[in-house]
Protein backbone atom coordinates (compact mmCIF):
# COMPACT_ATOMS: atom_id res chain seq x y z
CA MET A 1 -31.33 28.41 -0.66
CA SER A 2 -28.45 26.04 0.05
CA VAL A 3 -26.89 27.02 -3.28
CA GLN A 4 -24.37 29.78 -2.86
CA PRO A 5 -22.53 31.96 -5.36
CA GLY A 6 -18.92 31.37 -6.27
CA ARG A 7 -16.20 32.46 -3.93
CA SER A 8 -15.18 35.99 -4.61
CA GLY A 9 -11.45 36.56 -4.75
CA SER A 10 -10.66 32.85 -4.82
CA SER A 11 -6.94 32.20 -4.34
CA VAL A 12 -6.85 28.88 -6.22
CA ARG A 13 -3.92 29.04 -8.65
CA PHE A 14 -4.24 25.61 -10.23
CA GLN A 15 -7.51 23.65 -10.24
CA PRO A 16 -7.49 19.82 -10.34
CA ASP A 17 -7.85 19.76 -14.14
CA GLU A 18 -5.00 22.24 -14.72
CA GLU A 19 -1.30 21.45 -14.92
CA PRO A 20 1.36 23.61 -13.25
CA GLY A 21 4.93 23.60 -14.54
CA TYR A 22 7.19 20.72 -13.65
CA ALA A 23 9.31 22.85 -11.31
CA VAL A 24 6.26 23.94 -9.30
CA ALA A 25 4.77 20.43 -9.26
CA ILE A 26 8.00 18.76 -8.17
CA GLY A 27 8.70 21.43 -5.56
CA LEU A 28 5.25 21.08 -4.03
CA ALA A 29 5.46 17.29 -4.14
CA LEU A 30 8.75 17.45 -2.26
CA GLN A 31 7.14 19.74 0.31
CA TYR A 32 4.22 17.35 0.78
CA CYS A 33 6.60 14.41 1.18
CA VAL A 34 8.66 16.26 3.78
CA LEU A 35 5.59 17.06 5.85
CA THR A 36 4.02 13.61 5.58
CA LEU A 37 6.98 11.23 5.73
CA GLY A 38 7.43 11.59 9.48
CA PRO A 39 3.84 10.68 10.48
CA ILE A 40 3.80 7.69 8.10
CA VAL A 41 6.98 6.13 9.50
CA LEU A 42 6.58 7.20 13.13
CA THR A 43 3.05 5.80 13.43
CA VAL A 44 4.37 2.39 12.34
CA ALA A 45 7.24 2.67 14.83
CA ILE A 46 4.86 3.55 17.68
CA VAL A 47 2.68 0.51 16.96
CA VAL A 48 5.53 -2.00 16.56
CA ARG A 49 7.61 -0.81 19.51
CA THR A 50 4.62 -0.47 21.85
CA ALA A 51 3.72 -4.09 21.06
CA ALA A 52 7.36 -5.16 21.56
CA GLY A 53 7.72 -6.20 17.91
CA SER A 54 11.07 -6.96 16.31
CA GLU A 55 13.23 -4.38 14.52
CA LEU A 56 13.20 -6.68 11.48
CA PHE A 57 9.41 -6.44 11.26
CA LEU A 58 9.55 -2.69 11.92
CA SER A 59 11.87 -2.12 8.95
CA TRP A 60 9.55 -4.16 6.75
CA ALA A 61 6.36 -2.46 8.00
CA ALA A 62 7.79 1.07 7.58
CA CYS A 63 8.91 0.38 3.99
CA ALA A 64 5.56 -1.26 3.18
CA ALA A 65 3.64 1.69 4.65
CA LEU A 66 5.52 4.16 2.42
CA MET A 67 4.93 2.02 -0.66
CA VAL A 68 1.19 1.62 0.07
CA SER A 69 0.90 5.36 0.77
CA GLY A 70 2.51 6.15 -2.57
CA ILE A 71 0.30 3.81 -4.58
CA THR A 72 -2.94 4.99 -2.99
CA THR A 73 -1.99 8.69 -3.21
CA ILE A 74 -1.55 8.23 -6.98
CA VAL A 75 -4.91 6.43 -7.18
CA GLN A 76 -6.62 9.23 -5.22
CA ALA A 77 -5.26 11.87 -7.59
CA ARG A 78 -5.76 10.09 -10.90
CA ARG A 79 -8.86 7.99 -10.15
CA VAL A 80 -8.72 4.46 -11.57
CA GLY A 81 -12.25 3.39 -12.47
CA ARG A 82 -14.27 3.93 -9.30
CA LEU A 83 -11.16 4.02 -7.12
CA GLY A 84 -9.94 7.47 -6.13
CA ALA A 85 -11.38 10.94 -5.61
CA GLY A 86 -9.61 12.78 -8.43
CA TYR A 87 -8.14 15.27 -5.95
CA ILE A 88 -4.94 15.71 -3.95
CA LEU A 89 -5.56 13.50 -0.94
CA LEU A 90 -2.37 12.31 0.68
CA MET A 91 -2.52 8.81 2.11
CA GLY A 92 -0.59 7.54 5.10
CA THR A 93 -0.72 5.36 8.18
CA SER A 94 -3.77 5.95 10.36
CA GLY A 95 -3.36 7.07 13.97
CA ALA A 96 -6.90 5.86 14.70
CA PHE A 97 -5.66 2.28 14.29
CA ILE A 98 -2.83 2.55 16.82
CA ALA A 99 -4.73 1.06 19.76
CA VAL A 100 -6.29 -1.91 17.92
CA SER A 101 -3.09 -2.59 15.95
CA VAL A 102 -1.01 -2.72 19.11
CA THR A 103 -3.52 -5.14 20.65
CA ALA A 104 -3.50 -7.36 17.54
CA LEU A 105 0.31 -7.46 17.47
CA ALA A 106 0.61 -8.13 21.19
CA GLU A 107 -2.01 -10.89 21.28
CA GLY A 108 -1.62 -12.52 17.87
CA GLY A 109 1.57 -11.25 16.26
CA PRO A 110 2.16 -9.64 12.83
CA GLY A 111 0.22 -12.39 11.03
CA MET A 112 -2.90 -11.61 13.07
CA LEU A 113 -2.52 -7.89 12.32
CA ALA A 114 -2.27 -8.66 8.58
CA THR A 115 -5.39 -10.85 8.62
CA LEU A 116 -7.49 -8.36 10.60
CA VAL A 117 -6.49 -5.36 8.46
CA ALA A 118 -7.19 -7.18 5.19
CA THR A 119 -10.55 -8.48 6.44
CA SER A 120 -11.74 -5.10 7.72
CA ALA A 121 -10.80 -3.53 4.36
CA LEU A 122 -13.57 -5.55 2.72
CA PHE A 123 -16.06 -3.70 4.93
CA GLN A 124 -14.75 -0.40 3.58
CA PHE A 125 -15.29 -1.48 -0.04
CA LEU A 126 -18.88 -2.37 0.89
CA LEU A 127 -19.30 1.00 2.59
CA ALA A 128 -18.03 2.86 -0.47
CA SER A 129 -20.35 1.01 -2.85
CA ARG A 130 -23.42 1.64 -0.68
CA LEU A 131 -22.56 5.09 0.66
CA SER A 132 -25.86 6.51 -0.60
CA LEU A 133 -27.72 4.30 1.90
CA LEU A 134 -25.91 6.04 4.78
CA ARG A 135 -26.48 9.57 3.53
CA ARG A 136 -28.78 10.48 6.43
CA LEU A 137 -26.25 9.32 9.01
CA ILE A 138 -22.89 10.33 7.53
CA THR A 139 -23.93 13.93 6.91
CA PRO A 140 -21.87 17.13 6.56
CA THR A 141 -22.69 17.71 10.24
CA VAL A 142 -21.04 14.41 11.22
CA ALA A 143 -18.14 14.73 8.75
CA GLY A 144 -17.40 18.33 9.75
CA THR A 145 -17.48 17.43 13.45
CA VAL A 146 -15.01 14.57 12.88
CA ILE A 147 -12.64 16.94 11.03
CA MET A 148 -12.83 19.44 13.91
CA LEU A 149 -12.06 16.60 16.32
CA ILE A 150 -9.00 15.63 14.30
CA ALA A 151 -7.51 18.92 15.46
CA VAL A 152 -8.42 18.12 19.07
CA THR A 153 -6.83 14.68 18.76
CA VAL A 154 -3.64 15.71 17.00
CA MET A 155 -2.86 19.14 18.46
CA PRO A 156 -1.57 17.88 21.85
CA LEU A 157 0.91 15.63 20.03
CA ILE A 158 1.98 18.54 17.83
CA LEU A 159 2.53 20.81 20.83
CA ASP A 160 4.67 18.08 22.39
CA LEU A 161 6.79 18.04 19.24
CA VAL A 162 7.47 21.75 19.58
CA GLU A 163 9.07 21.18 23.00
CA GLN A 164 11.18 18.16 22.04
CA VAL A 165 14.90 18.88 21.67
CA PRO A 166 17.96 16.60 21.88
CA GLU A 167 19.50 15.95 25.25
CA GLY A 168 21.99 18.66 26.18
CA ALA A 169 20.45 21.34 23.96
CA ALA A 170 19.61 24.77 25.34
CA PRO A 171 16.15 24.95 26.95
CA ALA A 172 15.17 27.77 24.59
CA ALA A 173 16.17 25.83 21.45
CA GLY A 174 12.78 24.24 20.80
CA PRO A 175 10.58 27.30 21.45
CA VAL A 176 12.84 29.70 19.53
CA THR A 177 13.18 27.37 16.53
CA ALA A 178 9.43 26.76 16.48
CA LEU A 179 8.68 30.47 16.83
CA VAL A 180 10.90 31.36 13.86
CA THR A 181 9.32 28.63 11.71
CA LEU A 182 5.80 29.65 12.69
CA GLY A 183 6.49 33.37 12.32
CA VAL A 184 8.03 33.16 8.84
CA THR A 185 5.30 30.76 7.65
CA MET A 186 2.48 32.96 8.93
CA VAL A 187 3.95 36.16 7.45
CA ILE A 188 4.09 34.51 4.03
CA VAL A 189 0.66 32.88 4.36
CA LEU A 190 -0.98 36.15 5.43
CA ARG A 191 0.80 38.66 3.19
CA ALA A 192 2.53 36.97 0.25
CA ALA A 193 0.98 36.36 -3.15
CA GLY A 194 1.81 34.52 -6.34
CA VAL A 195 4.74 32.11 -6.43
CA MET A 196 5.98 33.26 -3.03
CA ARG A 197 2.82 31.93 -1.36
CA ILE A 198 3.35 28.52 -2.98
CA TRP A 199 6.89 28.26 -1.60
CA GLY A 200 5.99 29.85 1.73
CA PRO A 201 5.86 26.63 3.78
CA VAL A 202 9.26 25.52 2.46
CA ILE A 203 10.74 28.93 3.27
CA GLY A 204 9.36 28.67 6.80
CA ILE A 205 10.93 25.24 7.27
CA VAL A 206 14.27 26.43 5.86
CA ALA A 207 14.24 29.42 8.22
CA GLY A 208 13.56 27.03 11.10
CA CYS A 209 16.39 24.74 10.00
CA VAL A 210 18.84 27.68 9.88
CA THR A 211 17.80 28.63 13.41
CA ALA A 212 18.10 25.01 14.54
CA GLY A 213 21.66 24.95 13.15
CA PHE A 214 22.68 27.68 15.58
CA PHE A 215 21.38 25.55 18.46
CA GLN A 216 23.07 22.42 17.05
CA LEU A 217 19.78 20.51 16.97
CA PHE A 218 20.69 18.36 13.95
CA SER A 219 21.95 14.82 14.37
CA TRP A 220 23.70 13.29 11.36
CA GLU A 221 24.66 9.84 12.74
CA GLN A 222 21.46 8.15 11.52
CA VAL A 223 21.81 9.74 8.09
CA ALA A 224 25.41 8.58 7.74
CA ALA A 225 24.56 5.02 8.77
CA ALA A 226 21.62 4.59 6.38
CA PRO A 227 22.30 3.00 2.94
CA TRP A 228 21.50 4.95 -0.22
CA ILE A 229 19.30 2.31 -1.81
CA GLY A 230 17.72 -0.73 -0.28
CA LEU A 231 14.70 -2.82 0.61
CA PRO A 232 14.08 -4.98 3.67
CA THR A 233 15.32 -8.47 2.84
CA ALA A 234 12.87 -10.13 5.24
CA GLY A 235 10.08 -9.34 7.63
CA TRP A 236 6.80 -10.23 5.91
CA PRO A 237 5.01 -12.53 8.36
CA GLY A 238 2.27 -13.96 6.15
CA PHE A 239 -1.28 -14.42 7.45
CA ASP A 240 -2.73 -16.02 10.54
CA LEU A 241 -5.62 -18.05 9.09
CA ASN A 242 -6.58 -19.93 12.24
CA PHE A 243 -9.49 -17.51 12.85
CA GLY A 244 -9.36 -18.24 16.56
CA PRO A 245 -10.82 -16.34 19.52
CA VAL A 246 -8.36 -13.44 19.17
CA PHE A 247 -9.48 -12.80 15.58
CA TRP A 248 -13.21 -12.81 16.39
CA ALA A 249 -12.70 -10.69 19.52
CA LEU A 250 -10.77 -7.98 17.65
CA LEU A 251 -12.63 -7.99 14.31
CA PRO A 252 -15.57 -5.80 15.56
CA ALA A 253 -13.10 -3.24 16.91
CA PHE A 254 -11.21 -3.16 13.60
CA ILE A 255 -14.46 -2.73 11.66
CA PHE A 256 -15.56 0.12 13.92
CA VAL A 257 -12.23 1.94 13.62
CA THR A 258 -12.42 1.35 9.85
CA LEU A 259 -15.80 3.13 9.91
CA VAL A 260 -14.29 6.02 11.85
CA GLY A 261 -11.47 6.22 9.30
CA ALA A 262 -14.03 6.19 6.49
CA ILE A 263 -15.88 9.11 8.11
CA GLU A 264 -12.59 11.01 8.27
CA THR A 265 -12.00 10.22 4.58
CA ILE A 266 -15.53 11.40 3.73
CA GLY A 267 -14.88 14.65 5.55
CA ASP A 268 -11.50 15.11 3.86
CA SER A 269 -12.90 14.40 0.38
CA VAL A 270 -15.75 16.88 0.94
CA ALA A 271 -13.35 19.50 2.29
CA VAL A 272 -10.78 19.13 -0.50
CA GLN A 273 -13.50 19.73 -3.11
CA ARG A 274 -14.40 23.00 -1.41
CA VAL A 275 -10.83 24.37 -1.59
CA SER A 276 -9.78 22.99 -5.00
CA TRP A 277 -11.94 25.10 -7.35
CA ARG A 278 -12.07 28.84 -7.98
CA ASP A 279 -15.88 28.83 -7.95
CA ASP A 280 -18.02 26.98 -5.44
CA ARG A 281 -19.25 23.62 -6.67
CA ALA A 282 -21.73 21.19 -5.21
CA THR A 283 -20.07 18.22 -3.53
CA ASP A 284 -19.65 15.32 -5.99
CA PHE A 285 -20.39 12.26 -3.89
CA ARG A 286 -19.02 10.02 -6.63
CA ALA A 287 -15.64 11.50 -5.78
CA VAL A 288 -16.39 10.85 -2.10
CA GLN A 289 -17.22 7.23 -2.89
CA GLY A 290 -13.99 6.97 -4.87
CA ALA A 291 -11.99 8.36 -1.96
CA VAL A 292 -13.47 5.81 0.46
CA ALA A 293 -12.86 3.00 -2.05
CA ALA A 294 -9.21 4.07 -2.48
CA ASP A 295 -8.94 4.16 1.31
CA GLY A 296 -10.21 0.58 1.30
CA LEU A 297 -7.59 -0.31 -1.32
CA GLY A 298 -4.92 1.14 0.96
CA ASN A 299 -6.16 -0.93 3.88
CA LEU A 300 -6.28 -4.07 1.75
CA LEU A 301 -2.70 -3.53 0.54
CA SER A 302 -1.64 -2.76 4.12
CA GLY A 303 -3.13 -6.08 5.20
CA LEU A 304 -1.49 -7.98 2.36
CA LEU A 305 1.88 -6.43 3.26
CA ALA A 306 1.30 -6.65 7.06
CA THR A 307 1.59 -2.99 8.02
CA VAL A 308 -0.57 -0.39 9.79
CA PRO A 309 -3.76 0.58 7.86
CA ASN A 310 -3.97 3.61 5.59
CA THR A 311 -6.18 6.70 5.64
CA THR A 312 -6.34 10.13 4.03
CA TYR A 313 -4.24 12.80 5.71
CA SER A 314 -6.38 15.85 6.46
CA SER A 315 -3.32 18.08 6.30
CA SER A 316 -3.46 17.79 2.50
CA VAL A 317 -6.66 19.87 2.56
CA SER A 318 -4.90 22.59 4.54
CA ILE A 319 -1.90 22.58 2.20
CA VAL A 320 -4.15 22.98 -0.85
CA GLU A 321 -5.86 25.88 0.92
CA ILE A 322 -2.51 27.52 1.77
CA THR A 323 -0.72 27.00 -1.56
CA GLY A 324 -3.73 27.34 -3.87
CA VAL A 325 -2.47 24.37 -5.94
CA ALA A 326 -4.93 21.49 -6.38
CA ALA A 327 -3.59 20.04 -9.66
CA ARG A 328 -3.77 16.26 -9.93
CA ARG A 329 -0.25 16.21 -11.32
CA VAL A 330 1.06 17.24 -7.90
CA GLY A 331 -0.79 14.37 -6.21
CA VAL A 332 0.73 11.88 -8.66
CA TYR A 333 4.22 13.24 -8.02
CA VAL A 334 3.69 12.97 -4.27
CA GLY A 335 2.73 9.30 -4.67
CA VAL A 336 5.80 8.65 -6.81
CA GLY A 337 7.86 10.42 -4.14
CA PHE A 338 6.55 8.14 -1.39
CA CYS A 339 7.40 5.05 -3.45
CA ALA A 340 10.88 6.42 -4.18
CA LEU A 341 11.47 7.20 -0.50
CA ALA A 342 10.60 3.62 0.37
CA LEU A 343 13.63 2.62 -1.74
CA LEU A 344 15.98 5.38 -0.48
CA PRO A 345 16.69 4.90 3.23
CA LYS A 346 19.28 7.69 3.35
CA LEU A 347 16.83 10.31 2.08
CA VAL A 348 14.23 9.09 4.58
CA ALA A 349 16.81 9.50 7.34
CA LEU A 350 17.73 12.98 6.05
CA ILE A 351 14.12 14.19 6.12
CA LEU A 352 13.58 12.64 9.54
CA SER A 353 16.60 14.56 10.78
CA ILE A 354 14.59 17.82 10.60
CA PRO A 355 14.03 18.74 14.26
CA ASP A 356 10.62 17.94 15.73
CA ALA A 357 10.12 21.57 16.78
CA ILE A 358 10.13 22.69 13.11
CA ILE A 359 7.68 20.04 11.94
CA GLY A 360 5.45 20.76 14.93
CA ALA A 361 5.41 24.51 14.32
CA TYR A 362 4.31 24.21 10.72
CA ALA A 363 1.79 21.52 11.59
CA ILE A 364 0.12 24.01 13.97
CA VAL A 365 -0.78 26.13 10.92
CA LEU A 366 -2.13 23.14 9.02
CA ILE A 367 -4.25 21.82 11.87
CA ALA A 368 -5.62 25.27 12.75
CA ILE A 369 -6.80 25.77 9.17
CA LEU A 370 -8.22 22.24 9.15
CA PHE A 371 -10.31 23.01 12.24
CA VAL A 372 -11.85 26.02 10.51
CA LEU A 373 -12.56 23.94 7.40
CA GLY A 374 -14.48 21.49 9.58
CA MET A 375 -16.56 24.39 10.91
CA ARG A 376 -17.27 25.55 7.36
CA ILE A 377 -18.50 22.11 6.35
CA VAL A 378 -20.85 21.98 9.35
CA VAL A 379 -22.27 25.45 8.70
CA SER A 380 -22.58 24.89 4.92
CA ASP A 381 -25.27 22.27 5.53
CA GLY A 382 -27.43 24.78 7.39
CA MET A 383 -27.59 25.15 11.15
CA ASP A 384 -30.57 24.66 13.44
CA TYR A 385 -30.78 23.83 17.13
CA ARG A 386 -30.68 20.08 16.48
CA LYS A 387 -27.50 20.23 14.43
CA ALA A 388 -26.00 22.68 16.92
CA ALA A 389 -26.70 20.21 19.73
CA ILE A 390 -25.16 17.30 17.79
CA VAL A 391 -22.02 19.27 16.94
CA GLY A 392 -21.60 20.80 20.40
CA VAL A 393 -22.17 17.63 22.43
CA SER A 394 -20.12 15.42 20.10
CA PHE A 395 -17.23 17.88 20.04
CA TRP A 396 -17.02 18.15 23.82
CA VAL A 397 -17.50 14.41 24.37
CA GLY A 398 -14.57 13.83 22.03
CA SER A 399 -12.55 16.51 23.80
CA GLY A 400 -13.43 15.03 27.20
CA PHE A 401 -12.32 11.51 26.27
CA GLN A 402 -9.20 12.85 24.56
CA SER A 403 -8.18 14.65 27.75
CA GLY A 404 -8.98 11.61 29.91
CA GLY A 405 -11.67 13.42 31.86
CA LEU A 406 -14.72 11.27 31.01
CA PHE A 407 -15.41 7.91 32.67
CA THR A 408 -11.97 6.50 31.91
CA SER A 409 -11.45 5.16 35.43
CA GLN A 410 -14.60 2.99 35.17
CA MET A 411 -13.89 1.53 31.72
CA ASN A 412 -12.13 -1.57 30.48
CA PRO A 413 -8.54 -0.68 29.45
CA PHE A 414 -9.21 -1.70 25.84
CA PHE A 415 -12.15 0.72 25.52
CA VAL A 416 -10.12 3.41 27.27
CA GLU A 417 -7.51 3.00 24.51
CA MET A 418 -10.10 3.09 21.72
CA LEU A 419 -12.43 5.82 23.02
CA GLY A 420 -9.50 7.83 24.33
CA ASN A 421 -9.07 8.97 20.75
CA GLY A 422 -11.28 12.07 20.56
CA MET A 423 -12.06 11.53 16.88
CA THR A 424 -13.36 8.02 17.63
CA SER A 425 -15.48 8.88 20.68
CA GLY A 426 -16.77 12.18 19.28
CA GLY A 427 -17.47 10.70 15.85
CA LEU A 428 -19.38 7.80 17.41
CA THR A 429 -21.41 10.28 19.47
CA ALA A 430 -22.28 12.30 16.36
CA LEU A 431 -23.36 9.14 14.55
CA ILE A 432 -25.56 7.98 17.44
CA LEU A 433 -27.23 11.39 17.84
CA SER A 434 -27.80 11.72 14.08
CA ALA A 435 -29.33 8.24 13.99
CA PHE A 436 -31.61 9.16 16.89
CA VAL A 437 -32.84 12.31 15.12
CA GLU A 438 -33.51 10.36 11.92
CA LEU A 439 -35.28 7.45 13.64
CA THR A 440 -37.52 9.69 15.74
CA ALA A 441 -38.43 12.12 12.92
CA SER A 442 -41.85 12.03 11.28
CA ARG A 443 -42.27 9.05 9.01
CA ARG A 444 -41.78 9.44 5.28
CA LYS A 445 -44.46 8.36 2.80
CA ARG A 446 -43.11 6.92 -0.45
CA LEU A 447 -44.28 6.63 -4.04
CA VAL A 448 -42.52 4.50 -6.67
CA THR A 449 -43.31 5.48 -10.24
CA THR A 450 -41.71 6.02 -13.65
CA PHE A 451 -39.04 8.67 -14.06
CA SER A 452 -40.85 10.68 -16.72
CA VAL A 453 -43.21 13.60 -17.15
CA ASP A 454 -46.04 11.06 -17.37
CA ALA A 455 -45.64 10.57 -13.60
CA LEU A 456 -46.73 14.14 -12.79
CA ALA A 457 -50.42 13.26 -12.44
CA GLU A 458 -49.62 10.37 -10.11
CA ILE A 459 -47.30 12.62 -8.07
CA ARG A 460 -50.05 15.26 -7.76
CA THR A 461 -52.53 12.68 -6.42
CA PHE A 462 -49.89 11.33 -4.02
CA LEU A 463 -49.03 14.78 -2.61
CA GLU A 464 -52.70 15.81 -2.29
CA SER A 465 -53.43 12.63 -0.33
CA PHE A 466 -50.45 13.18 1.95
CA GLY A 467 -51.28 16.88 2.40
CA ALA A 468 -54.86 16.06 3.43
CA ARG A 469 -53.56 13.57 6.00
CA VAL A 470 -51.09 15.99 7.64
CA GLY A 471 -53.32 19.07 7.36
CA TRP A 472 -51.65 21.17 4.69
CA SER A 473 -53.69 24.09 3.37
CA ASP A 474 -54.72 24.17 -0.29
CA GLU A 475 -52.18 26.92 -0.94
CA ALA A 476 -49.40 24.88 0.67
CA THR A 477 -50.32 21.76 -1.31
CA ARG A 478 -50.28 23.72 -4.58
CA ARG A 479 -46.87 25.24 -3.79
CA ILE A 480 -45.39 21.86 -2.92
CA HIS A 481 -46.86 20.30 -6.06
CA HIS A 482 -45.44 23.07 -8.25
CA ALA A 483 -42.03 22.60 -6.62
CA SER A 484 -42.20 18.84 -7.24
CA GLU A 485 -43.02 19.43 -10.92
CA GLU A 486 -40.07 21.75 -11.44
CA ALA A 487 -37.78 19.45 -9.44
CA LEU A 488 -38.71 16.45 -11.58
CA VAL A 489 -38.28 18.33 -14.86
CA SER A 490 -34.98 19.84 -13.67
CA LEU A 491 -33.68 16.46 -12.51
CA MET A 492 -34.54 14.92 -15.86
CA GLY A 493 -32.72 17.64 -17.78
CA ASP A 494 -32.50 16.90 -21.49
CA GLU A 495 -33.42 13.24 -20.88
CA ALA A 496 -37.09 14.22 -20.99
CA ASP A 497 -36.82 14.43 -24.79
CA GLU A 498 -34.93 11.18 -25.30
CA SER A 499 -36.19 7.68 -25.82
CA GLY A 500 -34.63 4.80 -23.96
CA PRO A 501 -35.12 2.37 -21.10
CA THR A 502 -37.65 3.63 -18.54
CA ARG A 503 -36.01 4.62 -15.27
CA ARG A 504 -37.78 4.34 -11.94
CA LEU A 505 -38.30 7.17 -9.49
CA ARG A 506 -38.83 6.89 -5.76
CA LEU A 507 -40.40 10.00 -4.27
CA SER A 508 -40.60 10.33 -0.50
CA VAL A 509 -42.21 13.18 1.42
CA ARG A 510 -42.42 14.08 5.05
CA SER A 511 -43.78 16.99 7.03
CA VAL A 512 -41.31 18.91 9.21
CA PRO A 513 -42.11 21.96 11.36
CA GLY A 514 -43.05 24.78 8.99
CA ALA A 515 -41.99 22.96 5.83
CA ALA A 516 -42.24 19.90 3.62
CA GLU A 517 -39.24 17.82 2.59
CA LEU A 518 -39.31 16.01 -0.76
CA GLU A 519 -36.71 13.47 -1.82
CA PHE A 520 -36.41 12.28 -5.44
CA LEU A 521 -34.27 9.16 -5.89
CA THR A 522 -33.38 7.60 -9.24
CA VAL A 523 -30.39 5.99 -10.90
CA ALA A 524 -27.46 8.29 -11.56
CA GLY A 525 -27.45 10.79 -14.41
CA GLU A 526 -25.05 13.56 -15.43
CA GLY A 527 -24.54 17.07 -14.08
CA ASN A 528 -25.45 18.55 -10.72
CA LEU A 529 -28.51 20.73 -10.21
CA GLU A 530 -26.88 22.79 -7.47
CA ASP A 531 -24.21 23.92 -9.94
CA ARG A 532 -26.86 24.63 -12.60
CA LEU A 533 -28.98 26.57 -10.09
CA ALA A 534 -26.00 28.72 -9.18
CA LEU A 535 -25.30 29.30 -12.88
CA VAL A 536 -28.82 30.36 -13.87
CA GLY A 537 -28.95 32.53 -10.77
CA GLU A 538 -26.10 34.59 -12.25
CA GLN A 539 -27.67 34.92 -15.73
CA PRO A 540 -30.27 37.48 -16.88
CA VAL A 541 -33.82 36.16 -16.82
CA GLU A 542 -34.34 36.97 -20.50
CA ILE A 543 -31.94 34.26 -21.72
CA ALA A 544 -33.53 31.44 -19.76
CA ALA A 545 -35.06 28.70 -21.88
CA GLY A 546 -36.18 25.09 -21.61
CA HIS A 547 -35.05 23.47 -18.41
CA ASP A 548 -33.37 26.66 -17.21
CA LEU A 549 -36.89 28.01 -16.67
CA SER A 550 -37.71 25.01 -14.47
CA LEU A 551 -34.54 25.66 -12.50
CA ARG A 552 -35.52 29.29 -11.97
CA LEU A 553 -38.99 28.31 -10.81
CA LEU A 554 -37.52 25.70 -8.48
CA ARG A 555 -35.12 28.26 -7.08
CA HIS A 556 -38.09 30.54 -6.37
CA LEU A 557 -40.35 27.87 -4.84
CA ALA A 558 -37.86 25.93 -2.69
CA ALA A 559 -36.19 27.05 0.50
CA SER A 560 -33.25 24.71 -0.21
CA VAL A 561 -32.15 22.28 -2.89
CA ARG A 562 -29.51 19.61 -2.35
CA HIS A 563 -28.41 17.29 -5.14
CA GLN A 564 -26.25 14.31 -4.13
CA LYS A 565 -24.74 12.30 -6.96
CA TYR A 566 -23.47 8.80 -6.29
CA HIS A 567 -22.38 6.08 -8.70
CA ASP A 568 -25.59 4.18 -8.08
CA ALA A 569 -28.12 6.94 -7.42
CA ASP A 570 -29.19 10.53 -8.03
CA ILE A 571 -30.80 12.03 -4.93
CA LEU A 572 -32.48 15.43 -5.06
CA THR A 573 -33.75 16.79 -1.74
CA VAL A 574 -36.06 19.82 -1.88
CA ARG A 575 -37.34 21.70 1.16
CA VAL A 576 -40.43 23.87 0.66
CA ASP A 577 -41.49 26.29 3.38
CA LEU A 578 -45.22 26.27 4.11
CA PRO A 579 -47.10 29.56 3.68
CA VAL A 580 -47.71 31.34 6.97
CA ALA A 581 -51.40 31.67 7.76
CA ALA A 582 -52.64 35.27 7.79
């Protein structure tokens, strides 16, 4: 069965629906801001300075990026309508957009960047609303692989940070400072419990800062020069609405990178659900849709304000795993903190004064945990030789392009820039291979009928006809039919006894080696069968009644059950192993 029992010994201290004290929430929010402020601002600086943009535009774009990150982080935590995941998902500038953003700035200026970012954001809203249609392509295998490749993409930059020290500092300053930060953090992560574990990352950073003080690694000139409160007085460039050749040449690249960013967001929103609850829960794909939609909102706001596009920061998943705090209140406070920092240049300068070696050392812990989370997502979906091939080949293709060892000398410089990002090249490879497997698999046969118990006779006839065509034995056909009955009754839940508008059901079936795969698709309802299956699996058989009995029978008949809930659809996939001939 794909349904697994709850995690024993879960270390989650505060679930999303619980509220920690204000001191804990504010302290964690400050920690999150410290760890995320640098990447948000520095990514903007890399794009603008690489494209030879003005310092006036840079000051505007950095302030706008912080403000957009704050707004969208609040939306992710609180969920506004269908926008947001309802989990702590930190938002910030996307490194995947560096190459295309630099090209847009260099060839068309800030106005062209604003137009392209805003236009590509519309694609992300469309993707979020129709995510159920891409369920066979953007799978846990693809999402987990992309998360693993994030580590491959980011880790070289993090290791470079560890070695960076100011000119004139002792050669050992960076390594020693990083080692102290990493050592203290790991001791607390591995051995501490309770409140100490929550404050562990801050203690590690403080220990690193004390060590850095002995090596005189701090520079206070930038802090002293920055004003306490302020906003850029100018810098917004407006839009380039000429829609000339530059726009049409770069739009496909922006849409593709937007897709890659959406896959990363899907992976992050799946991963954060797995570490935010004390007991295992089935992935709520409505939350995933909300996360992608909020990501699209961030990109739209980034376009309107002419700054680098937004995305979820995967490090937030690692921090939730380390601290055990997943309360939405913390996510809201982080968003408020980003917005406040956008208005407080001196505090931004103070946080940025923390030596790179300290930030890099702690980031090593975050990225290492993130890599393992990606592996867990891949394995949680079940592993066979096909999925193993997709993960292995995609991972090493991404690693090869990231290291510059694959075909880069024969490629156009633009594609070298884009595919040189391991997450982009490896994610694209995983998508292509997954699409190939789906397109070359045995064809599905479909039946459209009413979503009611009255459809059982029609479903029986449909399955018997299909079984005769593919050569199922009578015993196999009966087992599959029984599983379909229990799946339908379980999916209906208490709705079977209610009157109301008739819903439609689309049942598809296909034969796979040694098994049959049934897919029930209808409009969305409430509750998730995977959670209910896990619950009844823990209860004594004697107390089962009504639909719980159908769940127990389904658990017995099916090899795996996967229930994906979207805003627009309920999709129940049941795999039934065929009896082995004697």
